[in-house]
Amino acid sequence: MPPLPIEELSPREIVAELDRYIVGQKAAKRAVAIALRNRYRRQMLPAEQQEDIIPKNILMIGPTGVGKTEIARRLAQLARAPFIKIEATKFTEVGYVGRDVDSMIRDLVAVAYRIVEAEKTEEIRPRAAGQAVERILDILVAPESGRRAYAFAPLSPENDPEVEQKEADVREAIRRRRERVREQVVSGARDDERIEIEVEESASPFVQIFSPHGLEEMGLDIANQLGGAFANRASAKRSVTIAEAKEILTEEEARKMIDAASVAKEAIERTEQTGIVFLDELDKIAGR
């Protein structure tokens, strides 16, 4: 079941949604439900008033297995919010070299980017699927194939009605065949047939580089800063079934339609407004 719009849920309804997955913990579920609702109400205020209302952190205390992590994770799913779980001990080990505290937020932005990208992909999936089918049809029904029968025909004067009629007949035959094949591809009748497709090698929107603080995930502008080194993606040919080709090409066409810059902007905004960082094992460092 897809998550309900958080703006339509009262704290009581949020608790009811959490009750579907978590047994007990009534007080904890009520507290996080109120906090989530207050976070949404804050977003409805004018920008100048939002600055005066700082969202509160929540401290959940309890032994392992009582549902602390699950409450936070389900709450994030309900709110369609980016969520990461961090072990506090990883940032306090003596002599530890690598990720710093800022990397928590970079990881959270990466999660938010994937969430927004997935949502945008679902919005345009019907159009992307249509483009994928067209590419498959170009492989199965090459437009040039219908003209081969006339490739060695004697040359005729330009505007010869007979030649024009033959060309029109060829185009119509190709169109009819293309429509027949389209129905077969869309219906799945030819899903097991293998074809060779050319696909772009996948590239992650986040790249990893070494920095003074260790291996950090940096943002989308890295490719531009490197002079467009990643502008031209390599392509490779793959032999796949038509069923696999539809899925692969749909994802590829969707990536072409998505504006990465707008996705990144929305991901950062969603991280700022709704992001959840779950700090675990605080008890192990509190007594040190």
Protein backbone atom coordinates (compact mmCIF):
# COMPACT_ATOMS: atom_id res chain seq x y z
CA MET A 1 0.00 0.00 0.00
CA PRO A 2 1.52 3.38 -0.98
CA PRO A 3 2.08 5.88 1.85
CA LEU A 4 -0.80 8.26 2.45
CA PRO A 5 -0.23 12.01 2.04
CA ILE A 6 1.05 13.17 5.41
CA GLU A 7 -0.94 16.40 5.15
CA GLU A 8 -4.13 14.34 5.30
CA LEU A 9 -3.19 12.47 8.49
CA SER A 10 -3.82 13.59 12.05
CA PRO A 11 -1.53 12.34 14.86
CA ARG A 12 -4.19 9.74 15.72
CA GLU A 13 -4.18 8.46 12.13
CA ILE A 14 -0.37 8.42 12.05
CA VAL A 15 -0.40 6.23 15.17
CA ALA A 16 -2.96 3.95 13.49
CA GLU A 17 -0.62 3.56 10.51
CA LEU A 18 2.30 2.71 12.81
CA ASP A 19 0.09 0.20 14.65
CA ARG A 20 -0.06 -1.84 11.44
CA TYR A 21 3.63 -2.67 11.77
CA ILE A 22 4.63 -2.15 15.41
CA VAL A 23 3.12 -3.83 18.46
CA GLY A 24 2.84 -1.77 21.64
CA GLN A 25 4.98 1.32 22.29
CA LYS A 26 1.90 3.55 22.43
CA ALA A 27 3.68 6.47 24.11
CA ALA A 28 6.57 6.43 21.64
CA LYS A 29 4.28 6.25 18.62
CA ARG A 30 2.14 9.10 19.95
CA ALA A 31 5.22 11.28 20.55
CA VAL A 32 6.67 10.76 17.07
CA ALA A 33 3.24 11.22 15.46
CA ILE A 34 2.83 14.62 17.12
CA ALA A 35 6.39 15.58 16.18
CA LEU A 36 5.80 14.60 12.55
CA ARG A 37 2.55 16.54 12.37
CA ASN A 38 4.22 19.59 13.92
CA ARG A 39 6.99 19.34 11.34
CA TYR A 40 4.43 19.46 8.55
CA ARG A 41 2.56 22.37 10.17
CA ARG A 42 5.86 24.27 10.37
CA GLN A 43 6.26 23.94 6.59
CA MET A 44 2.88 25.60 6.11
CA LEU A 45 4.04 28.78 7.86
CA PRO A 46 5.60 31.77 6.06
CA ALA A 47 9.36 31.40 5.59
CA GLU A 48 10.20 34.14 8.11
CA GLN A 49 8.20 32.36 10.82
CA GLN A 50 9.70 28.96 10.05
CA GLU A 51 13.11 30.27 11.12
CA ASP A 52 11.76 30.89 14.62
CA ILE A 53 10.40 27.35 15.03
CA ILE A 54 13.19 24.81 15.33
CA PRO A 55 12.16 21.14 15.01
CA LYS A 56 12.85 19.10 18.14
CA ASN A 57 14.98 16.00 18.36
CA ILE A 58 13.50 12.85 19.88
CA LEU A 59 15.33 10.60 22.35
CA MET A 60 14.03 7.03 22.46
CA ILE A 61 15.36 4.84 25.26
CA GLY A 62 14.88 1.10 25.51
CA PRO A 63 16.58 -2.29 25.20
CA THR A 64 17.40 -3.88 21.87
CA GLY A 65 14.40 -5.17 19.94
CA VAL A 66 11.61 -3.02 21.40
CA GLY A 67 11.04 -1.16 18.11
CA LYS A 68 13.00 2.09 18.29
CA THR A 69 14.53 1.77 14.84
CA GLU A 70 11.36 0.37 13.30
CA ILE A 71 9.28 3.30 14.57
CA ALA A 72 11.69 5.78 13.00
CA ARG A 73 11.95 3.83 9.74
CA ARG A 74 8.18 3.43 9.33
CA LEU A 75 7.68 7.09 10.17
CA ALA A 76 10.12 8.04 7.41
CA GLN A 77 8.28 5.82 4.92
CA LEU A 78 4.97 7.35 5.91
CA ALA A 79 6.30 10.88 5.40
CA ARG A 80 8.29 9.94 2.27
CA ALA A 81 11.29 11.39 4.09
CA PRO A 82 14.97 10.48 3.65
CA PHE A 83 16.16 8.27 6.51
CA ILE A 84 19.54 6.92 7.58
CA LYS A 85 20.66 4.97 10.62
CA ILE A 86 24.03 5.90 12.09
CA GLU A 87 26.00 4.06 14.76
CA ALA A 88 27.29 6.77 17.08
CA THR A 89 30.30 4.67 18.07
CA LYS A 90 31.66 4.90 14.52
CA PHE A 91 32.26 8.61 15.02
CA THR A 92 33.90 8.37 18.43
CA GLU A 93 36.45 5.57 18.02
CA VAL A 94 39.94 6.50 19.19
CA GLY A 95 42.22 7.02 16.21
CA TYR A 96 39.35 6.67 13.74
CA VAL A 97 40.21 8.27 10.41
CA GLY A 98 37.61 8.67 7.69
CA ARG A 99 34.05 9.93 7.78
CA ASP A 100 33.23 13.03 9.80
CA VAL A 101 29.91 14.13 11.23
CA ASP A 102 29.08 16.13 8.09
CA SER A 103 29.07 12.89 6.12
CA MET A 104 25.82 11.93 7.88
CA ILE A 105 24.05 14.74 6.06
CA ARG A 106 25.77 13.95 2.77
CA ASP A 107 24.56 10.37 3.10
CA LEU A 108 21.08 11.67 3.90
CA VAL A 109 21.10 13.87 0.78
CA ALA A 110 22.12 10.83 -1.29
CA VAL A 111 19.14 8.92 0.10
CA ALA A 112 16.86 11.88 -0.62
CA TYR A 113 18.16 12.06 -4.19
CA ARG A 114 17.29 8.41 -4.79
CA ILE A 115 13.80 8.93 -3.33
CA VAL A 116 13.07 11.98 -5.49
CA GLU A 117 14.55 10.32 -8.58
CA ALA A 118 12.35 7.26 -8.04
CA GLU A 119 9.26 9.45 -7.66
CA LYS A 120 10.06 11.40 -10.83
CA THR A 121 10.70 8.14 -12.68
CA GLU A 122 7.28 6.80 -11.71
CA GLU A 123 5.63 10.01 -12.92
CA ILE A 124 7.13 9.74 -16.39
CA ARG A 125 7.23 5.93 -16.62
CA PRO A 126 4.31 5.69 -19.10
CA ARG A 127 6.05 8.07 -21.53
CA ALA A 128 9.40 6.36 -20.98
CA ALA A 129 7.83 2.95 -21.58
CA GLY A 130 6.38 4.22 -24.86
CA GLN A 131 9.80 5.41 -25.99
CA ALA A 132 11.30 2.06 -24.99
CA VAL A 133 8.77 0.21 -27.16
CA GLU A 134 9.62 2.48 -30.10
CA ARG A 135 13.31 1.61 -29.74
CA ILE A 136 12.48 -2.09 -29.67
CA LEU A 137 10.33 -1.70 -32.78
CA ASP A 138 13.23 0.01 -34.55
CA ILE A 139 15.22 -3.18 -33.94
CA LEU A 140 12.47 -5.63 -34.90
CA VAL A 141 11.08 -3.64 -37.84
CA ALA A 142 13.88 -1.62 -39.42
CA PRO A 143 12.36 1.09 -41.67
CA GLU A 144 14.94 0.40 -44.40
CA SER A 145 14.00 -3.27 -44.71
CA GLY A 146 10.86 -2.54 -46.69
CA ARG A 147 12.80 -0.75 -49.42
CA ARG A 148 15.27 -3.52 -50.13
CA ALA A 149 12.89 -5.15 -52.60
CA TYR A 150 13.24 -2.07 -54.78
CA ALA A 151 16.94 -1.45 -54.24
CA PHE A 152 17.90 -2.88 -57.63
CA ALA A 153 14.86 -1.76 -59.60
CA PRO A 154 15.57 0.13 -62.85
CA LEU A 155 15.85 3.85 -62.40
CA SER A 156 12.68 5.74 -63.27
CA PRO A 157 12.14 9.41 -63.96
CA GLU A 158 11.49 11.61 -60.97
CA ASN A 159 7.86 11.98 -59.91
CA ASP A 160 7.00 8.74 -61.69
CA PRO A 161 3.49 7.91 -60.37
CA GLU A 162 4.24 4.18 -60.43
CA VAL A 163 7.41 4.58 -58.35
CA GLU A 164 5.67 6.91 -55.92
CA GLN A 165 2.83 4.44 -55.52
CA LYS A 166 5.26 1.60 -54.84
CA GLU A 167 7.06 3.68 -52.21
CA ALA A 168 3.74 4.58 -50.61
CA ASP A 169 2.77 0.90 -50.57
CA VAL A 170 6.09 0.02 -48.92
CA ARG A 171 5.64 2.69 -46.25
CA GLU A 172 2.11 1.51 -45.55
CA ALA A 173 3.25 -2.12 -45.33
CA ILE A 174 5.97 -1.13 -42.86
CA ARG A 175 3.47 0.88 -40.80
CA ARG A 176 1.02 -2.04 -40.63
CA ARG A 177 3.76 -4.48 -39.71
CA ARG A 178 5.07 -2.10 -37.08
CA GLU A 179 1.62 -1.85 -35.50
CA ARG A 180 1.26 -5.65 -35.47
CA VAL A 181 4.64 -6.05 -33.81
CA ARG A 182 3.82 -3.23 -31.36
CA GLU A 183 0.75 -5.13 -30.17
CA GLN A 184 2.86 -8.27 -29.70
CA VAL A 185 5.57 -6.40 -27.76
CA VAL A 186 3.14 -4.50 -25.53
CA SER A 187 1.01 -7.58 -24.80
CA GLY A 188 4.08 -9.63 -23.88
CA ALA A 189 3.57 -12.21 -26.63
CA ARG A 190 7.24 -11.90 -27.64
CA ASP A 191 8.75 -11.39 -24.19
CA ASP A 192 10.96 -14.50 -24.46
CA GLU A 193 12.47 -13.51 -27.81
CA ARG A 194 16.08 -12.30 -27.60
CA ILE A 195 17.31 -9.12 -29.26
CA GLU A 196 20.48 -7.06 -29.15
CA ILE A 197 20.16 -3.58 -27.70
CA GLU A 198 22.60 -0.74 -27.17
CA VAL A 199 22.48 0.77 -23.70
CA GLU A 200 24.36 3.49 -21.88
CA GLU A 201 26.57 2.42 -19.04
CA SER A 202 24.93 3.52 -15.81
CA ALA A 203 26.44 6.46 -13.99
CA SER A 204 25.69 7.31 -10.37
CA PRO A 205 24.53 10.86 -9.59
CA PHE A 206 27.01 10.84 -6.74
CA VAL A 207 30.70 10.08 -7.21
CA GLN A 208 33.23 9.32 -4.54
CA ILE A 209 36.52 11.15 -4.24
CA PHE A 210 39.24 11.34 -1.64
CA SER A 211 39.19 14.44 0.51
CA PRO A 212 41.19 15.46 3.59
CA HIS A 213 38.40 13.92 5.66
CA GLY A 214 38.46 10.58 3.90
CA LEU A 215 36.21 9.05 1.29
CA GLU A 216 33.27 11.42 1.04
CA GLU A 217 30.24 11.51 -1.20
CA MET A 218 30.15 14.76 -3.10
CA GLY A 219 27.36 16.36 -5.11
CA LEU A 220 26.20 16.40 -8.70
CA ASP A 221 28.42 19.30 -9.81
CA ILE A 222 31.58 17.18 -9.72
CA ALA A 223 31.13 16.15 -13.36
CA ASN A 224 30.88 19.80 -14.42
CA GLN A 225 33.90 20.76 -12.33
CA LEU A 226 35.94 18.11 -14.12
CA GLY A 227 35.26 19.73 -17.47
CA GLY A 228 32.44 17.49 -18.58
CA ALA A 229 34.53 14.34 -18.41
CA PHE A 230 31.35 12.38 -17.79
CA ALA A 231 29.25 14.15 -20.42
CA ASN A 232 29.60 11.35 -22.99
CA ARG A 233 28.64 8.03 -21.50
CA ALA A 234 30.00 4.88 -23.05
CA SER A 235 27.48 2.51 -24.58
CA ALA A 236 27.57 -1.25 -24.87
CA LYS A 237 25.57 -3.87 -26.73
CA ARG A 238 23.71 -6.50 -24.76
CA SER A 239 21.74 -9.56 -25.78
CA VAL A 240 18.55 -9.67 -23.71
CA THR A 241 14.99 -10.87 -23.92
CA ILE A 242 12.35 -8.38 -25.04
CA ALA A 243 10.91 -8.43 -21.52
CA GLU A 244 14.30 -7.39 -20.13
CA ALA A 245 14.77 -4.85 -22.93
CA LYS A 246 11.50 -3.12 -22.07
CA GLU A 247 12.59 -2.67 -18.46
CA ILE A 248 16.17 -1.61 -19.27
CA LEU A 249 15.19 0.84 -21.99
CA THR A 250 12.33 2.28 -19.93
CA GLU A 251 14.77 3.11 -17.13
CA GLU A 252 17.22 4.61 -19.62
CA GLU A 253 14.57 6.74 -21.31
CA ALA A 254 13.31 7.90 -17.91
CA ARG A 255 16.82 9.04 -16.94
CA LYS A 256 16.99 11.09 -20.12
CA MET A 257 13.71 12.82 -19.30
CA ILE A 258 14.61 13.66 -15.69
CA ASP A 259 16.29 16.97 -14.94
CA ALA A 260 19.10 15.98 -12.56
CA ALA A 261 19.59 19.55 -11.34
CA SER A 262 15.95 19.90 -10.26
CA VAL A 263 16.09 16.47 -8.60
CA ALA A 264 19.19 17.51 -6.66
CA LYS A 265 17.56 20.79 -5.60
CA GLU A 266 14.44 19.02 -4.36
CA ALA A 267 16.53 16.36 -2.62
CA ILE A 268 18.44 19.01 -0.66
CA GLU A 269 15.21 20.79 0.27
CA ARG A 270 13.60 17.53 1.38
CA THR A 271 16.67 16.70 3.46
CA GLU A 272 16.48 20.08 5.17
CA GLN A 273 12.74 19.91 5.86
CA THR A 274 11.97 16.23 6.50
CA GLY A 275 15.26 14.32 6.77
CA ILE A 276 15.62 11.87 9.66
CA VAL A 277 18.99 10.83 11.11
CA PHE A 278 18.62 7.92 13.53
CA LEU A 279 21.59 7.91 15.93
CA ASP A 280 21.98 4.46 17.44
CA GLU A 281 24.20 3.20 20.29
CA LEU A 282 24.26 6.54 22.11
CA ASP A 283 24.25 4.59 25.37
CA LYS A 284 27.63 3.08 24.49
CA ILE A 285 29.30 6.49 24.33
CA ALA A 286 27.31 8.28 27.04
CA GLY A 287 29.07 6.39 29.82
CA ARG A 288 32.59 7.01 28.54
